[in-house]
Every structure is written in structure tokens, then in C-alpha cells.
Amino acid sequence: MDSALYNRDILRLATALVANHRLDDPQGTAEVRSPLCGSRIQADVTTDAAGCISQIALRANACALGQASAAILQDNAIGLDISEIADLRDGIATALTRVGAMPTRWPDLALLAAACDYPSRHAAILLPYDAILAAAKTRNVQT
């Protein structure tokens, strides 16, 4: 295990998700898989009348980086609209390829920059965002 990649902070976040966490009545639900690494993320989401995320539940069957990314998203997504989630996802993807800087909206995102040199891990990091975006599309959630 590469200690620069799987450091204490990443491992702390990776263990932060509650196993089998579900929303009682989600407006949208999706499961996405990465064919590259086999990671899987399941997402439930609800939004308020303004289209902002009011509840989110993520379940991860992924590497520590995918789990950490999911924990960061789950801890911070409430109050954002779906387009902001899409913008964050795109910003993270760009940063992982060293084309741009990691978004600074949430300080923990900086921890994911250690994966820049590991392209095989990028899909797992982006998967939680893809899951929320897919869940938002399943049931007329504002996009």
C-alpha cells in the first residue's frame, strides 16, 4: 500500500461512511460501477423545492479513495444544487489530470490530489459524484 496515497486522513474518511445507509423516501436512486477498478457506489438523493440537495445517502463498495471521496461528498453536499455537484465533479476530474487545481470548496478535497499520479484510481474518486448525478436523473430531481 502506497502511504502517500493511502494516508491516515484518507483512511479516516474511508471509514466514515455508515454501512447500508439509505434514505426512507428518496426522490432518486442510482448505482454506478467503474469498469476499470470494479468499484460500486449506490446513491439516494432528495432535493428541496429550490432544487438543492436536502438529503443524501451513499453506500460504497470501493477502494479507500472511492470511499473517502464518497464521505467528503456526503458530508458536504447538503444545500448544493445538482449543477454544483456536476461542476465539482468536473473540477476534480480536471485536477486529477493536473490540468487545473483541485476545487477548494471543501478542504478535504485536497487529500484526493495524492491520486494524480495513479490514473487507475481516478474513476473510483469520481464515482460518488457520478452516482449522485445519476440518482438526480432517475426521478425529476432538478438538474
N, C-alpha and C. Protein backbone atom coordinates (compact mmCIF):
# COMPACT_ATOMS: atom_id res chain seq x y z
N MET A 1 0.85 -1.18 0.00
CA MET A 1 0.00 0.00 0.00
C MET A 1 0.89 1.23 0.00
N ASP A 2 0.63 2.17 -0.89
CA ASP A 2 1.40 3.40 -1.00
C ASP A 2 0.94 4.36 0.10
N SER A 3 1.84 4.68 1.02
CA SER A 3 1.47 5.51 2.17
C SER A 3 1.17 6.95 1.77
N ALA A 4 1.72 7.42 0.66
CA ALA A 4 1.40 8.76 0.19
C ALA A 4 -0.04 8.81 -0.32
N LEU A 5 -0.47 7.72 -0.90
CA LEU A 5 -1.81 7.65 -1.47
C LEU A 5 -2.85 7.29 -0.41
N TYR A 6 -2.55 6.29 0.38
CA TYR A 6 -3.48 5.83 1.41
C TYR A 6 -2.97 6.27 2.78
N ASN A 7 -3.00 7.58 3.00
CA ASN A 7 -2.51 8.13 4.27
C ASN A 7 -3.58 8.07 5.34
N ARG A 8 -3.22 8.47 6.52
CA ARG A 8 -4.13 8.41 7.67
C ARG A 8 -5.43 9.18 7.42
N ASP A 9 -5.33 10.33 6.79
CA ASP A 9 -6.53 11.14 6.55
C ASP A 9 -7.48 10.47 5.55
N ILE A 10 -6.93 9.88 4.50
CA ILE A 10 -7.76 9.16 3.53
C ILE A 10 -8.43 7.97 4.21
N LEU A 11 -7.66 7.23 5.00
CA LEU A 11 -8.23 6.06 5.68
C LEU A 11 -9.29 6.46 6.70
N ARG A 12 -9.10 7.61 7.36
CA ARG A 12 -10.11 8.11 8.31
C ARG A 12 -11.41 8.40 7.58
N LEU A 13 -11.31 9.08 6.45
CA LEU A 13 -12.51 9.37 5.67
C LEU A 13 -13.15 8.10 5.12
N ALA A 14 -12.32 7.16 4.70
CA ALA A 14 -12.83 5.92 4.12
C ALA A 14 -13.69 5.13 5.10
N THR A 15 -13.42 5.28 6.36
CA THR A 15 -14.21 4.55 7.37
C THR A 15 -15.38 5.37 7.90
N ALA A 16 -15.58 6.57 7.37
CA ALA A 16 -16.61 7.47 7.90
C ALA A 16 -18.02 7.17 7.38
N LEU A 17 -18.13 6.49 6.25
CA LEU A 17 -19.47 6.20 5.72
C LEU A 17 -20.18 5.17 6.59
N VAL A 18 -21.46 5.38 6.79
CA VAL A 18 -22.28 4.44 7.55
C VAL A 18 -22.70 3.32 6.59
N ALA A 19 -22.40 2.09 6.96
CA ALA A 19 -22.73 0.95 6.10
C ALA A 19 -24.24 0.85 5.88
N ASN A 20 -24.62 0.59 4.65
CA ASN A 20 -26.03 0.38 4.27
C ASN A 20 -26.95 1.55 4.58
N HIS A 21 -26.41 2.76 4.64
CA HIS A 21 -27.22 3.95 4.88
C HIS A 21 -28.14 4.19 3.69
N ARG A 22 -29.43 4.29 3.95
CA ARG A 22 -30.45 4.53 2.92
C ARG A 22 -31.35 5.66 3.37
N LEU A 23 -31.94 6.35 2.42
CA LEU A 23 -32.98 7.32 2.71
C LEU A 23 -34.32 6.59 2.70
N ASP A 24 -35.21 7.02 3.57
CA ASP A 24 -36.52 6.37 3.65
C ASP A 24 -37.35 6.56 2.39
N ASP A 25 -37.30 7.75 1.81
CA ASP A 25 -38.13 8.04 0.65
C ASP A 25 -37.35 8.91 -0.34
N PRO A 26 -36.34 8.35 -0.98
CA PRO A 26 -35.53 9.17 -1.90
C PRO A 26 -36.31 9.54 -3.16
N GLN A 27 -36.00 10.70 -3.70
CA GLN A 27 -36.57 11.09 -4.99
C GLN A 27 -35.82 10.44 -6.14
N GLY A 28 -34.56 10.11 -5.89
CA GLY A 28 -33.75 9.48 -6.92
C GLY A 28 -32.78 8.49 -6.30
N THR A 29 -32.56 7.39 -6.99
CA THR A 29 -31.64 6.34 -6.54
C THR A 29 -30.88 5.83 -7.75
N ALA A 30 -29.61 5.56 -7.57
CA ALA A 30 -28.82 5.01 -8.67
C ALA A 30 -27.65 4.21 -8.12
N GLU A 31 -27.17 3.32 -8.95
CA GLU A 31 -25.94 2.58 -8.66
C GLU A 31 -25.05 2.72 -9.88
N VAL A 32 -23.81 3.09 -9.65
CA VAL A 32 -22.85 3.18 -10.75
C VAL A 32 -21.63 2.33 -10.42
N ARG A 33 -21.03 1.80 -11.47
CA ARG A 33 -19.85 0.94 -11.32
C ARG A 33 -18.75 1.46 -12.23
N SER A 34 -17.53 1.26 -11.78
CA SER A 34 -16.38 1.57 -12.61
C SER A 34 -15.89 0.29 -13.26
N PRO A 35 -15.93 0.21 -14.57
CA PRO A 35 -15.43 -1.00 -15.22
C PRO A 35 -13.91 -1.16 -15.05
N LEU A 36 -13.23 -0.05 -14.82
CA LEU A 36 -11.77 -0.09 -14.69
C LEU A 36 -11.33 -0.78 -13.40
N CYS A 37 -11.95 -0.38 -12.28
CA CYS A 37 -11.48 -0.91 -10.99
C CYS A 37 -12.51 -1.79 -10.28
N GLY A 38 -13.74 -1.80 -10.77
CA GLY A 38 -14.78 -2.62 -10.15
C GLY A 38 -15.48 -1.96 -8.97
N SER A 39 -15.12 -0.73 -8.65
CA SER A 39 -15.79 -0.03 -7.56
C SER A 39 -17.26 0.18 -7.89
N ARG A 40 -18.07 0.24 -6.83
CA ARG A 40 -19.52 0.44 -6.99
C ARG A 40 -19.98 1.42 -5.93
N ILE A 41 -20.78 2.39 -6.34
CA ILE A 41 -21.39 3.36 -5.42
C ILE A 41 -22.89 3.36 -5.66
N GLN A 42 -23.65 3.30 -4.57
CA GLN A 42 -25.10 3.44 -4.63
C GLN A 42 -25.44 4.76 -3.96
N ALA A 43 -26.38 5.50 -4.55
CA ALA A 43 -26.74 6.81 -4.04
C ALA A 43 -28.25 6.98 -3.96
N ASP A 44 -28.69 7.63 -2.88
CA ASP A 44 -30.06 8.09 -2.73
C ASP A 44 -29.98 9.60 -2.55
N VAL A 45 -30.95 10.33 -3.13
CA VAL A 45 -30.93 11.78 -3.01
C VAL A 45 -32.36 12.32 -2.97
N THR A 46 -32.53 13.38 -2.20
CA THR A 46 -33.76 14.18 -2.25
C THR A 46 -33.34 15.64 -2.35
N THR A 47 -34.21 16.43 -2.98
CA THR A 47 -33.95 17.86 -3.10
C THR A 47 -35.14 18.64 -2.56
N ASP A 48 -34.89 19.89 -2.23
CA ASP A 48 -35.96 20.75 -1.74
C ASP A 48 -36.63 21.43 -2.93
N ALA A 49 -37.57 22.32 -2.65
CA ALA A 49 -38.34 22.99 -3.70
C ALA A 49 -37.45 23.82 -4.62
N ALA A 50 -36.32 24.30 -4.11
CA ALA A 50 -35.41 25.11 -4.92
C ALA A 50 -34.44 24.25 -5.74
N GLY A 51 -34.52 22.93 -5.58
CA GLY A 51 -33.64 22.05 -6.33
C GLY A 51 -32.30 21.78 -5.66
N CYS A 52 -32.19 22.17 -4.41
CA CYS A 52 -30.95 21.92 -3.66
C CYS A 52 -31.04 20.60 -2.91
N ILE A 53 -29.93 19.92 -2.80
CA ILE A 53 -29.91 18.63 -2.10
C ILE A 53 -30.30 18.84 -0.65
N SER A 54 -31.30 18.08 -0.22
CA SER A 54 -31.74 18.15 1.18
C SER A 54 -31.34 16.91 1.97
N GLN A 55 -31.20 15.78 1.27
CA GLN A 55 -30.75 14.54 1.91
C GLN A 55 -29.92 13.76 0.90
N ILE A 56 -28.95 13.04 1.43
CA ILE A 56 -28.10 12.22 0.58
C ILE A 56 -27.65 11.00 1.38
N ALA A 57 -27.59 9.87 0.72
CA ALA A 57 -27.06 8.66 1.33
C ALA A 57 -26.21 7.95 0.29
N LEU A 58 -24.99 7.64 0.65
CA LEU A 58 -24.07 6.95 -0.25
C LEU A 58 -23.61 5.65 0.39
N ARG A 59 -23.58 4.60 -0.43
CA ARG A 59 -23.05 3.31 0.00
C ARG A 59 -21.94 2.95 -0.96
N ALA A 60 -20.77 2.62 -0.43
CA ALA A 60 -19.61 2.40 -1.28
C ALA A 60 -19.05 0.99 -1.13
N ASN A 61 -18.83 0.37 -2.26
CA ASN A 61 -18.06 -0.86 -2.32
C ASN A 61 -16.89 -0.49 -3.23
N ALA A 62 -15.90 0.15 -2.64
CA ALA A 62 -14.82 0.76 -3.41
C ALA A 62 -13.54 0.75 -2.61
N CYS A 63 -12.46 1.13 -3.27
CA CYS A 63 -11.18 1.27 -2.59
C CYS A 63 -11.28 2.42 -1.59
N ALA A 64 -10.25 2.58 -0.79
CA ALA A 64 -10.24 3.63 0.23
C ALA A 64 -10.41 5.02 -0.39
N LEU A 65 -9.86 5.25 -1.57
CA LEU A 65 -10.02 6.56 -2.21
C LEU A 65 -11.47 6.81 -2.64
N GLY A 66 -12.13 5.80 -3.17
CA GLY A 66 -13.53 5.93 -3.54
C GLY A 66 -14.40 6.16 -2.32
N GLN A 67 -14.10 5.44 -1.25
CA GLN A 67 -14.86 5.61 0.00
C GLN A 67 -14.60 6.99 0.59
N ALA A 68 -13.36 7.45 0.56
CA ALA A 68 -13.04 8.78 1.09
C ALA A 68 -13.74 9.86 0.28
N SER A 69 -13.72 9.73 -1.04
CA SER A 69 -14.40 10.69 -1.89
C SER A 69 -15.90 10.72 -1.60
N ALA A 70 -16.49 9.55 -1.40
CA ALA A 70 -17.91 9.47 -1.05
C ALA A 70 -18.20 10.14 0.29
N ALA A 71 -17.33 9.94 1.25
CA ALA A 71 -17.51 10.56 2.57
C ALA A 71 -17.43 12.08 2.48
N ILE A 72 -16.49 12.58 1.69
CA ILE A 72 -16.37 14.03 1.51
C ILE A 72 -17.65 14.58 0.89
N LEU A 73 -18.13 13.93 -0.13
CA LEU A 73 -19.36 14.38 -0.80
C LEU A 73 -20.55 14.31 0.16
N GLN A 74 -20.71 13.21 0.85
CA GLN A 74 -21.85 13.07 1.75
C GLN A 74 -21.83 14.11 2.86
N ASP A 75 -20.65 14.42 3.36
CA ASP A 75 -20.53 15.39 4.46
C ASP A 75 -20.80 16.83 4.02
N ASN A 76 -20.73 17.11 2.73
CA ASN A 76 -20.77 18.50 2.28
C ASN A 76 -21.83 18.85 1.25
N ALA A 77 -22.56 17.88 0.73
CA ALA A 77 -23.45 18.14 -0.40
C ALA A 77 -24.76 18.82 -0.04
N ILE A 78 -25.19 18.72 1.21
CA ILE A 78 -26.48 19.32 1.58
C ILE A 78 -26.46 20.81 1.28
N GLY A 79 -27.51 21.26 0.59
CA GLY A 79 -27.64 22.68 0.25
C GLY A 79 -27.14 23.03 -1.14
N LEU A 80 -26.40 22.13 -1.78
CA LEU A 80 -25.93 22.40 -3.14
C LEU A 80 -26.97 21.94 -4.16
N ASP A 81 -26.99 22.62 -5.30
CA ASP A 81 -27.86 22.10 -6.36
C ASP A 81 -27.05 21.13 -7.22
N ILE A 82 -27.76 20.37 -8.03
CA ILE A 82 -27.14 19.30 -8.80
C ILE A 82 -26.08 19.85 -9.76
N SER A 83 -26.30 21.03 -10.30
CA SER A 83 -25.30 21.60 -11.22
C SER A 83 -23.99 21.90 -10.48
N GLU A 84 -24.07 22.26 -9.21
CA GLU A 84 -22.85 22.48 -8.43
C GLU A 84 -22.10 21.16 -8.21
N ILE A 85 -22.84 20.08 -8.02
CA ILE A 85 -22.21 18.76 -7.89
C ILE A 85 -21.50 18.41 -9.20
N ALA A 86 -22.15 18.66 -10.33
CA ALA A 86 -21.55 18.39 -11.63
C ALA A 86 -20.28 19.22 -11.83
N ASP A 87 -20.33 20.49 -11.43
CA ASP A 87 -19.15 21.35 -11.57
C ASP A 87 -18.00 20.86 -10.69
N LEU A 88 -18.31 20.44 -9.47
CA LEU A 88 -17.28 19.89 -8.59
C LEU A 88 -16.67 18.63 -9.19
N ARG A 89 -17.50 17.76 -9.70
CA ARG A 89 -17.02 16.52 -10.32
C ARG A 89 -16.05 16.84 -11.46
N ASP A 90 -16.45 17.80 -12.31
CA ASP A 90 -15.59 18.16 -13.43
C ASP A 90 -14.29 18.80 -12.95
N GLY A 91 -14.38 19.60 -11.91
CA GLY A 91 -13.17 20.23 -11.35
C GLY A 91 -12.20 19.21 -10.77
N ILE A 92 -12.75 18.21 -10.09
CA ILE A 92 -11.91 17.14 -9.52
C ILE A 92 -11.26 16.34 -10.65
N ALA A 93 -12.04 16.01 -11.68
CA ALA A 93 -11.50 15.26 -12.82
C ALA A 93 -10.36 16.03 -13.49
N THR A 94 -10.54 17.31 -13.66
CA THR A 94 -9.50 18.15 -14.26
C THR A 94 -8.26 18.19 -13.38
N ALA A 95 -8.47 18.34 -12.08
CA ALA A 95 -7.33 18.40 -11.16
C ALA A 95 -6.56 17.09 -11.12
N LEU A 96 -7.27 15.98 -11.19
CA LEU A 96 -6.60 14.68 -11.14
C LEU A 96 -5.69 14.46 -12.35
N THR A 97 -5.99 15.14 -13.46
CA THR A 97 -5.13 15.03 -14.64
C THR A 97 -4.11 16.16 -14.70
N ARG A 98 -4.03 16.92 -13.63
CA ARG A 98 -3.07 18.04 -13.49
C ARG A 98 -3.28 19.15 -14.52
N VAL A 99 -4.49 19.26 -15.04
CA VAL A 99 -4.80 20.34 -15.97
C VAL A 99 -5.22 21.58 -15.20
N GLY A 100 -5.79 21.40 -14.03
CA GLY A 100 -6.23 22.51 -13.20
C GLY A 100 -5.99 22.19 -11.74
N ALA A 101 -6.38 23.12 -10.89
CA ALA A 101 -6.22 22.94 -9.45
C ALA A 101 -7.43 22.22 -8.86
N MET A 102 -7.20 21.50 -7.78
CA MET A 102 -8.29 20.83 -7.08
C MET A 102 -9.25 21.89 -6.55
N PRO A 103 -10.55 21.69 -6.72
CA PRO A 103 -11.51 22.65 -6.16
C PRO A 103 -11.24 22.87 -4.66
N THR A 104 -11.42 24.09 -4.24
CA THR A 104 -11.14 24.44 -2.84
C THR A 104 -12.41 24.59 -2.01
N ARG A 105 -13.54 24.27 -2.58
CA ARG A 105 -14.82 24.44 -1.88
C ARG A 105 -14.83 23.70 -0.55
N TRP A 106 -14.28 22.49 -0.53
CA TRP A 106 -14.21 21.68 0.68
C TRP A 106 -12.75 21.32 0.92
N PRO A 107 -12.19 21.66 2.07
CA PRO A 107 -10.77 21.41 2.32
C PRO A 107 -10.33 19.96 2.13
N ASP A 108 -11.18 19.00 2.47
CA ASP A 108 -10.78 17.60 2.34
C ASP A 108 -10.53 17.16 0.90
N LEU A 109 -11.04 17.90 -0.07
CA LEU A 109 -10.79 17.54 -1.46
C LEU A 109 -9.29 17.55 -1.78
N ALA A 110 -8.54 18.38 -1.10
CA ALA A 110 -7.09 18.45 -1.31
C ALA A 110 -6.42 17.11 -1.05
N LEU A 111 -7.00 16.30 -0.17
CA LEU A 111 -6.43 14.98 0.13
C LEU A 111 -6.46 14.06 -1.09
N LEU A 112 -7.38 14.28 -2.00
CA LEU A 112 -7.51 13.43 -3.17
C LEU A 112 -6.44 13.71 -4.22
N ALA A 113 -5.77 14.84 -4.11
CA ALA A 113 -4.74 15.20 -5.09
C ALA A 113 -3.58 14.22 -5.10
N ALA A 114 -3.39 13.48 -4.04
CA ALA A 114 -2.32 12.47 -3.99
C ALA A 114 -2.53 11.40 -5.06
N ALA A 115 -3.73 11.28 -5.60
CA ALA A 115 -4.02 10.26 -6.60
C ALA A 115 -3.72 10.72 -8.03
N CYS A 116 -3.23 11.92 -8.20
CA CYS A 116 -2.94 12.42 -9.56
C CYS A 116 -2.06 11.47 -10.35
N ASP A 117 -1.08 10.88 -9.70
CA ASP A 117 -0.13 10.00 -10.38
C ASP A 117 -0.64 8.57 -10.51
N TYR A 118 -1.89 8.32 -10.15
CA TYR A 118 -2.48 6.98 -10.20
C TYR A 118 -3.78 7.01 -11.00
N PRO A 119 -3.69 7.13 -12.32
CA PRO A 119 -4.90 7.24 -13.15
C PRO A 119 -5.90 6.11 -12.95
N SER A 120 -5.44 4.96 -12.54
CA SER A 120 -6.37 3.85 -12.32
C SER A 120 -7.27 4.09 -11.12
N ARG A 121 -6.98 5.07 -10.30
CA ARG A 121 -7.79 5.40 -9.13
C ARG A 121 -8.77 6.55 -9.39
N HIS A 122 -8.59 7.26 -10.49
CA HIS A 122 -9.42 8.43 -10.76
C HIS A 122 -10.91 8.08 -10.84
N ALA A 123 -11.24 6.98 -11.50
CA ALA A 123 -12.64 6.60 -11.66
C ALA A 123 -13.31 6.37 -10.31
N ALA A 124 -12.60 5.74 -9.38
CA ALA A 124 -13.17 5.48 -8.06
C ALA A 124 -13.44 6.79 -7.31
N ILE A 125 -12.57 7.76 -7.48
CA ILE A 125 -12.74 9.06 -6.82
C ILE A 125 -13.94 9.80 -7.39
N LEU A 126 -14.17 9.70 -8.69
CA LEU A 126 -15.27 10.42 -9.34
C LEU A 126 -16.61 9.69 -9.21
N LEU A 127 -16.57 8.43 -8.89
CA LEU A 127 -17.77 7.60 -8.86
C LEU A 127 -18.88 8.13 -7.94
N PRO A 128 -18.59 8.61 -6.72
CA PRO A 128 -19.68 9.12 -5.88
C PRO A 128 -20.43 10.29 -6.53
N TYR A 129 -19.69 11.14 -7.23
CA TYR A 129 -20.32 12.27 -7.93
C TYR A 129 -21.18 11.76 -9.08
N ASP A 130 -20.66 10.78 -9.81
CA ASP A 130 -21.43 10.18 -10.90
C ASP A 130 -22.71 9.54 -10.36
N ALA A 131 -22.62 8.92 -9.19
CA ALA A 131 -23.80 8.27 -8.60
C ALA A 131 -24.87 9.29 -8.22
N ILE A 132 -24.47 10.38 -7.62
CA ILE A 132 -25.44 11.42 -7.25
C ILE A 132 -26.07 12.03 -8.50
N LEU A 133 -25.26 12.28 -9.51
CA LEU A 133 -25.80 12.84 -10.76
C LEU A 133 -26.77 11.87 -11.42
N ALA A 134 -26.43 10.58 -11.40
CA ALA A 134 -27.33 9.57 -11.96
C ALA A 134 -28.61 9.46 -11.14
N ALA A 135 -28.51 9.52 -9.82
CA ALA A 135 -29.69 9.45 -8.96
C ALA A 135 -30.60 10.64 -9.22
N ALA A 136 -30.02 11.79 -9.43
CA ALA A 136 -30.81 13.00 -9.68
C ALA A 136 -31.60 12.88 -10.98
N LYS A 137 -31.08 12.14 -11.93
CA LYS A 137 -31.76 11.98 -13.22
C LYS A 137 -32.87 10.94 -13.18
N THR A 138 -32.89 10.09 -12.15
CA THR A 138 -33.87 8.99 -12.15
C THR A 138 -35.29 9.43 -11.85
N ARG A 139 -35.46 10.56 -11.21
CA ARG A 139 -36.82 10.96 -10.84
C ARG A 139 -37.00 12.47 -10.83
N ASN A 140 -36.94 13.11 -11.90
CA ASN A 140 -37.30 14.53 -11.99
C ASN A 140 -36.68 15.40 -10.91
N VAL A 141 -35.53 15.04 -10.40
CA VAL A 141 -34.82 15.93 -9.48
C VAL A 141 -34.24 17.03 -10.34
N GLN A 142 -34.30 18.26 -9.89
CA GLN A 142 -33.82 19.40 -10.67
C GLN A 142 -32.35 19.23 -11.05
N THR A 143 -32.04 19.40 -12.32
CA THR A 143 -30.66 19.34 -12.79
C THR A 143 -30.27 20.64 -13.45
